[in-house]
N, C-alpha and C. Protein backbone atom coordinates (compact mmCIF):
# COMPACT_ATOMS: atom_id res chain seq x y z
N UNK A 1 151.79 75.47 164.06
CA UNK A 1 152.36 76.60 164.67
C UNK A 1 152.79 76.45 166.13
N UNK A 2 152.61 75.14 166.54
CA UNK A 2 153.18 74.89 167.97
C UNK A 2 152.08 75.13 169.00
N UNK A 3 150.84 75.42 168.66
CA UNK A 3 149.83 75.62 169.61
C UNK A 3 149.51 74.35 170.27
N UNK A 4 148.63 74.50 171.23
CA UNK A 4 148.02 73.33 172.00
C UNK A 4 146.88 72.60 171.08
N UNK A 5 146.77 71.27 171.18
CA UNK A 5 145.93 70.54 170.44
C UNK A 5 145.35 69.49 171.56
N UNK A 6 144.04 69.30 171.64
CA UNK A 6 143.46 68.31 172.56
C UNK A 6 143.78 66.93 172.09
N UNK A 7 144.18 66.08 173.02
CA UNK A 7 144.46 64.71 172.79
C UNK A 7 143.54 63.77 173.70
N UNK A 8 142.74 63.01 173.00
CA UNK A 8 141.89 61.99 173.90
C UNK A 8 142.73 60.65 173.86
N UNK A 9 142.77 59.99 174.96
CA UNK A 9 143.55 58.79 175.01
C UNK A 9 143.25 57.76 173.90
N UNK A 10 142.01 57.72 173.34
CA UNK A 10 141.66 56.83 172.36
C UNK A 10 142.35 57.07 170.96
N UNK A 11 142.99 58.27 170.90
CA UNK A 11 143.76 58.66 169.72
C UNK A 11 145.24 58.14 169.74
N UNK A 12 145.78 57.70 170.82
CA UNK A 12 147.02 57.23 171.07
C UNK A 12 147.13 55.82 170.45
N UNK A 13 148.00 55.62 169.49
CA UNK A 13 148.22 54.33 168.82
C UNK A 13 149.20 53.53 169.54
N UNK A 14 148.90 52.81 170.61
CA UNK A 14 149.74 51.86 171.26
C UNK A 14 148.94 50.86 172.02
N UNK A 15 149.48 49.74 172.41
CA UNK A 15 148.75 48.73 173.17
C UNK A 15 148.94 48.91 174.60
N UNK A 16 147.96 48.46 175.32
CA UNK A 16 147.93 48.63 176.74
C UNK A 16 147.54 49.93 177.31
N UNK A 17 148.15 50.36 178.47
CA UNK A 17 147.87 51.60 179.04
C UNK A 17 148.33 52.70 178.21
N UNK A 18 147.52 53.62 177.80
CA UNK A 18 147.77 54.84 176.87
C UNK A 18 147.94 56.00 177.65
N UNK A 19 149.13 56.60 177.56
CA UNK A 19 149.29 57.91 178.22
C UNK A 19 150.49 58.59 177.56
N UNK A 20 150.49 59.89 177.85
CA UNK A 20 151.58 60.80 177.30
C UNK A 20 152.11 61.58 178.44
N UNK A 21 153.41 61.78 178.44
CA UNK A 21 154.08 62.57 179.43
C UNK A 21 154.27 63.98 179.05
N UNK A 22 154.37 64.80 180.00
CA UNK A 22 154.63 66.30 179.61
C UNK A 22 155.93 66.29 178.84
N UNK A 23 156.00 67.01 177.65
CA UNK A 23 157.12 66.99 176.82
C UNK A 23 157.32 65.80 175.88
N UNK A 24 156.50 64.84 176.04
CA UNK A 24 156.61 63.60 175.16
C UNK A 24 156.52 64.07 173.76
N UNK A 25 157.47 63.68 172.87
CA UNK A 25 157.47 63.83 171.49
C UNK A 25 156.60 62.83 170.76
N UNK A 26 155.71 63.45 169.99
CA UNK A 26 154.76 62.54 169.16
C UNK A 26 154.60 63.07 167.72
N UNK A 27 153.99 62.20 166.91
CA UNK A 27 153.56 62.67 165.52
C UNK A 27 152.04 62.43 165.60
N UNK A 28 151.24 63.23 164.97
CA UNK A 28 149.81 63.18 164.86
C UNK A 28 149.24 63.94 163.75
N UNK A 29 148.04 63.59 163.49
CA UNK A 29 147.18 64.43 162.56
C UNK A 29 146.36 65.28 163.31
N UNK A 30 146.10 66.54 162.77
CA UNK A 30 145.12 67.42 163.40
C UNK A 30 143.75 67.31 162.62
N UNK A 31 142.72 67.27 163.36
CA UNK A 31 141.41 67.07 162.84
C UNK A 31 140.56 68.11 163.53
N UNK A 32 139.36 68.46 162.91
CA UNK A 32 138.42 69.35 163.54
C UNK A 32 137.41 68.53 164.26
N UNK A 33 137.37 68.75 165.53
CA UNK A 33 136.44 68.04 166.50
C UNK A 33 135.27 68.88 166.77
N UNK A 34 134.36 68.36 167.57
CA UNK A 34 133.09 69.16 168.00
C UNK A 34 133.45 70.33 168.80
N UNK A 35 134.56 70.39 169.53
CA UNK A 35 135.04 71.43 170.32
C UNK A 35 136.26 72.12 169.92
N UNK A 36 136.68 71.98 168.63
CA UNK A 36 137.86 72.55 168.08
C UNK A 36 138.83 71.57 167.61
N UNK A 37 140.07 71.92 167.49
CA UNK A 37 141.19 71.06 166.97
C UNK A 37 141.50 70.00 167.93
N UNK A 38 141.67 68.79 167.37
CA UNK A 38 142.17 67.71 168.25
C UNK A 38 143.06 66.81 167.51
N UNK A 39 143.91 65.98 168.22
CA UNK A 39 144.79 65.10 167.60
C UNK A 39 144.20 63.84 167.20
N UNK A 40 144.73 63.19 166.21
CA UNK A 40 144.20 61.86 165.78
C UNK A 40 145.44 61.14 165.42
N UNK A 41 145.40 59.77 165.46
CA UNK A 41 146.55 58.87 165.01
C UNK A 41 147.92 59.32 165.73
N UNK A 42 147.85 59.45 167.03
CA UNK A 42 149.00 59.84 167.79
C UNK A 42 149.98 58.72 167.99
N UNK A 43 151.23 58.91 167.60
CA UNK A 43 152.29 57.96 167.71
C UNK A 43 153.47 58.53 168.52
N UNK A 44 153.91 57.88 169.52
CA UNK A 44 155.09 58.33 170.33
C UNK A 44 156.29 58.14 169.43
N UNK A 45 157.24 59.10 169.60
CA UNK A 45 158.51 58.93 168.84
C UNK A 45 159.54 58.38 169.72
């Protein structure tokens, strides 16, 4: 629905320094974490 989802840097699938910029387009799976919805398997487009 376009809502916010928490992303931990360990979920970003890339080598080296892992970061996302504001507005960065990504694909990811949504999973239920201990504190609500969070992203998993995050891949930059």
